[in-house]
Amino acid sequence: MPILNVKISQPASDRLTHDVSEMLLELTTRILRKKRELTSIAIDYVPPEHWVVGGSTLAAQGTNSFYFDIKVVDGTNTKDEKAQYIAEAFAAFGKLLGSLHEESYIYVHDVRAEAYGFGGLTQEYRYIKGKT
């Protein structure tokens, strides 16, 4: 755990999928201290002519953009960690995509442990089970 949902204003590319996923795995494990082997990433590609910012497509603006959200258990990361994660992820996407539109977004969702889980078990259950 966690899960990241990523949208990128580029044509689909195996190389970009690899580069983005490796970058996000590195940042997520290093800054947010999440386990690499439990981190899932789903990447969707959106043609720049279908991504609109301020009434104009990214294709017309000659820029690229991305959006991703990540769900983490509430209370497992500090404000400073989340701020560092957002800043480093934005910079890393800029290096990967070039000409990055400022209106590119990252959303770190803090979700309740009793309402979030994988493998049929909540994170709250795992926490309590680990204490016994």
Protein backbone atom coordinates (compact mmCIF):
# COMPACT_ATOMS: atom_id res chain seq x y z
CA MET A 1 0.00 0.00 0.00
CA PRO A 2 -0.40 2.84 -1.24
CA ILE A 3 -2.04 3.19 -4.62
CA LEU A 4 -1.20 5.96 -7.07
CA ASN A 5 -3.46 6.99 -9.95
CA VAL A 6 -1.49 8.91 -12.57
CA LYS A 7 -2.54 10.84 -15.68
CA ILE A 8 0.07 12.12 -18.13
CA SER A 9 -0.47 14.34 -21.19
CA GLN A 10 1.63 12.20 -23.50
CA PRO A 11 1.12 9.35 -25.94
CA ALA A 12 1.37 5.95 -24.24
CA SER A 13 4.93 4.73 -24.01
CA ASP A 14 6.48 1.70 -22.33
CA ARG A 15 9.61 3.74 -21.60
CA LEU A 16 7.69 6.60 -19.99
CA THR A 17 5.62 4.12 -17.96
CA HIS A 18 8.85 2.61 -16.66
CA ASP A 19 10.48 5.98 -15.93
CA VAL A 20 7.42 7.44 -14.19
CA SER A 21 6.79 4.34 -12.11
CA GLU A 22 10.44 4.09 -11.02
CA MET A 23 10.52 7.78 -10.12
CA LEU A 24 7.32 7.54 -8.10
CA LEU A 25 8.42 4.33 -6.37
CA GLU A 26 11.71 5.96 -5.36
CA LEU A 27 10.02 9.10 -3.99
CA THR A 28 7.24 7.16 -2.27
CA THR A 29 9.63 4.80 -0.50
CA ARG A 30 12.25 7.42 0.37
CA ILE A 31 10.07 10.34 1.48
CA LEU A 32 6.81 8.73 2.59
CA ARG A 33 8.47 5.52 3.86
CA LYS A 34 6.03 3.23 2.04
CA LYS A 35 7.01 -0.31 1.11
CA ARG A 36 7.94 -0.64 -2.56
CA GLU A 37 6.54 -4.17 -2.78
CA LEU A 38 3.11 -2.93 -1.59
CA THR A 39 2.93 0.17 -3.81
CA SER A 40 0.66 0.05 -6.87
CA ILE A 41 0.69 2.55 -9.72
CA ALA A 42 -1.91 2.89 -12.50
CA ILE A 43 -0.93 5.21 -15.36
CA ASP A 44 -3.32 6.68 -17.92
CA TYR A 45 -2.16 8.65 -20.93
CA VAL A 46 -4.22 11.59 -22.17
CA PRO A 47 -3.50 13.12 -25.59
CA PRO A 48 -2.39 16.77 -25.14
CA GLU A 49 -5.18 17.85 -27.49
CA HIS A 50 -7.68 16.38 -24.99
CA TRP A 51 -6.21 18.07 -21.90
CA VAL A 52 -7.54 21.61 -21.42
CA VAL A 53 -6.15 24.25 -19.05
CA GLY A 54 -7.71 27.71 -18.96
CA GLY A 55 -9.84 26.98 -22.01
CA SER A 56 -6.94 25.97 -24.24
CA THR A 57 -5.50 22.53 -24.92
CA LEU A 58 -2.00 21.66 -23.82
CA ALA A 59 -1.23 20.90 -27.48
CA ALA A 60 -2.13 24.48 -28.41
CA GLN A 61 -0.09 25.80 -25.45
CA GLY A 62 2.92 23.62 -26.28
CA THR A 63 3.13 22.33 -22.72
CA ASN A 64 2.74 19.06 -20.84
CA SER A 65 0.92 18.25 -17.65
CA PHE A 66 0.31 15.48 -15.17
CA TYR A 67 -2.01 14.70 -12.30
CA PHE A 68 -1.65 12.04 -9.68
CA ASP A 69 -3.17 11.15 -6.41
CA ILE A 70 -1.81 8.84 -3.78
CA LYS A 71 -3.73 7.33 -0.89
CA VAL A 72 -1.91 6.88 2.41
CA VAL A 73 -3.17 5.97 5.86
CA ASP A 74 -4.01 9.07 7.87
CA GLY A 75 -1.36 10.01 10.39
CA THR A 76 1.48 8.05 8.79
CA ASN A 77 3.13 11.09 7.20
CA THR A 78 3.87 14.60 8.42
CA LYS A 79 3.00 17.87 6.67
CA ASP A 80 6.69 18.36 5.93
CA GLU A 81 7.00 14.92 4.34
CA LYS A 82 3.97 15.54 2.14
CA ALA A 83 5.27 18.98 1.14
CA GLN A 84 8.68 17.52 0.24
CA TYR A 85 7.01 14.70 -1.70
CA ILE A 86 4.88 17.13 -3.73
CA ALA A 87 7.84 19.43 -4.47
CA GLU A 88 10.19 16.61 -5.53
CA ALA A 89 7.51 14.85 -7.60
CA PHE A 90 6.68 18.08 -9.45
CA ALA A 91 10.37 18.67 -10.21
CA ALA A 92 10.87 15.06 -11.34
CA PHE A 93 7.89 15.20 -13.70
CA GLY A 94 9.32 18.42 -15.12
CA LYS A 95 12.55 16.58 -15.96
CA LEU A 96 10.66 13.66 -17.52
CA LEU A 97 8.07 15.61 -19.50
CA GLY A 98 9.78 18.94 -20.18
CA SER A 99 7.86 22.20 -20.67
CA LEU A 100 5.60 21.44 -17.71
CA HIS A 101 2.44 23.51 -17.24
CA GLU A 102 2.22 24.94 -13.72
CA GLU A 103 -1.35 23.61 -13.49
CA SER A 104 -0.12 20.07 -12.83
CA TYR A 105 -1.47 18.54 -9.66
CA ILE A 106 -0.52 16.12 -6.90
CA TYR A 107 -3.01 15.11 -4.24
CA VAL A 108 -1.97 13.15 -1.17
CA HIS A 109 -5.14 11.64 0.30
CA ASP A 110 -5.03 10.86 4.01
CA VAL A 111 -7.51 8.00 4.40
CA ARG A 112 -8.83 6.38 7.56
CA ALA A 113 -7.19 3.05 8.41
CA GLU A 114 -10.56 1.41 9.10
CA ALA A 115 -11.79 2.41 5.62
CA TYR A 116 -8.72 1.46 3.58
CA GLY A 117 -7.05 -1.83 2.88
CA PHE A 118 -5.85 -4.47 0.47
CA GLY A 119 -6.11 -8.23 0.23
CA GLY A 120 -9.50 -8.11 1.94
CA LEU A 121 -8.13 -6.64 5.20
CA THR A 122 -8.23 -3.07 6.45
CA GLN A 123 -5.09 -1.28 7.56
CA GLU A 124 -6.68 -0.89 11.00
CA TYR A 125 -7.01 -4.68 11.26
CA ARG A 126 -3.37 -5.10 10.27
CA TYR A 127 -2.30 -2.53 12.86
CA ILE A 128 -4.23 -4.19 15.68
CA LYS A 129 -3.11 -7.68 14.63
CA GLY A 130 0.52 -6.48 14.64
CA LYS A 131 0.15 -5.31 18.25
CA THR A 132 -0.94 -8.74 19.52
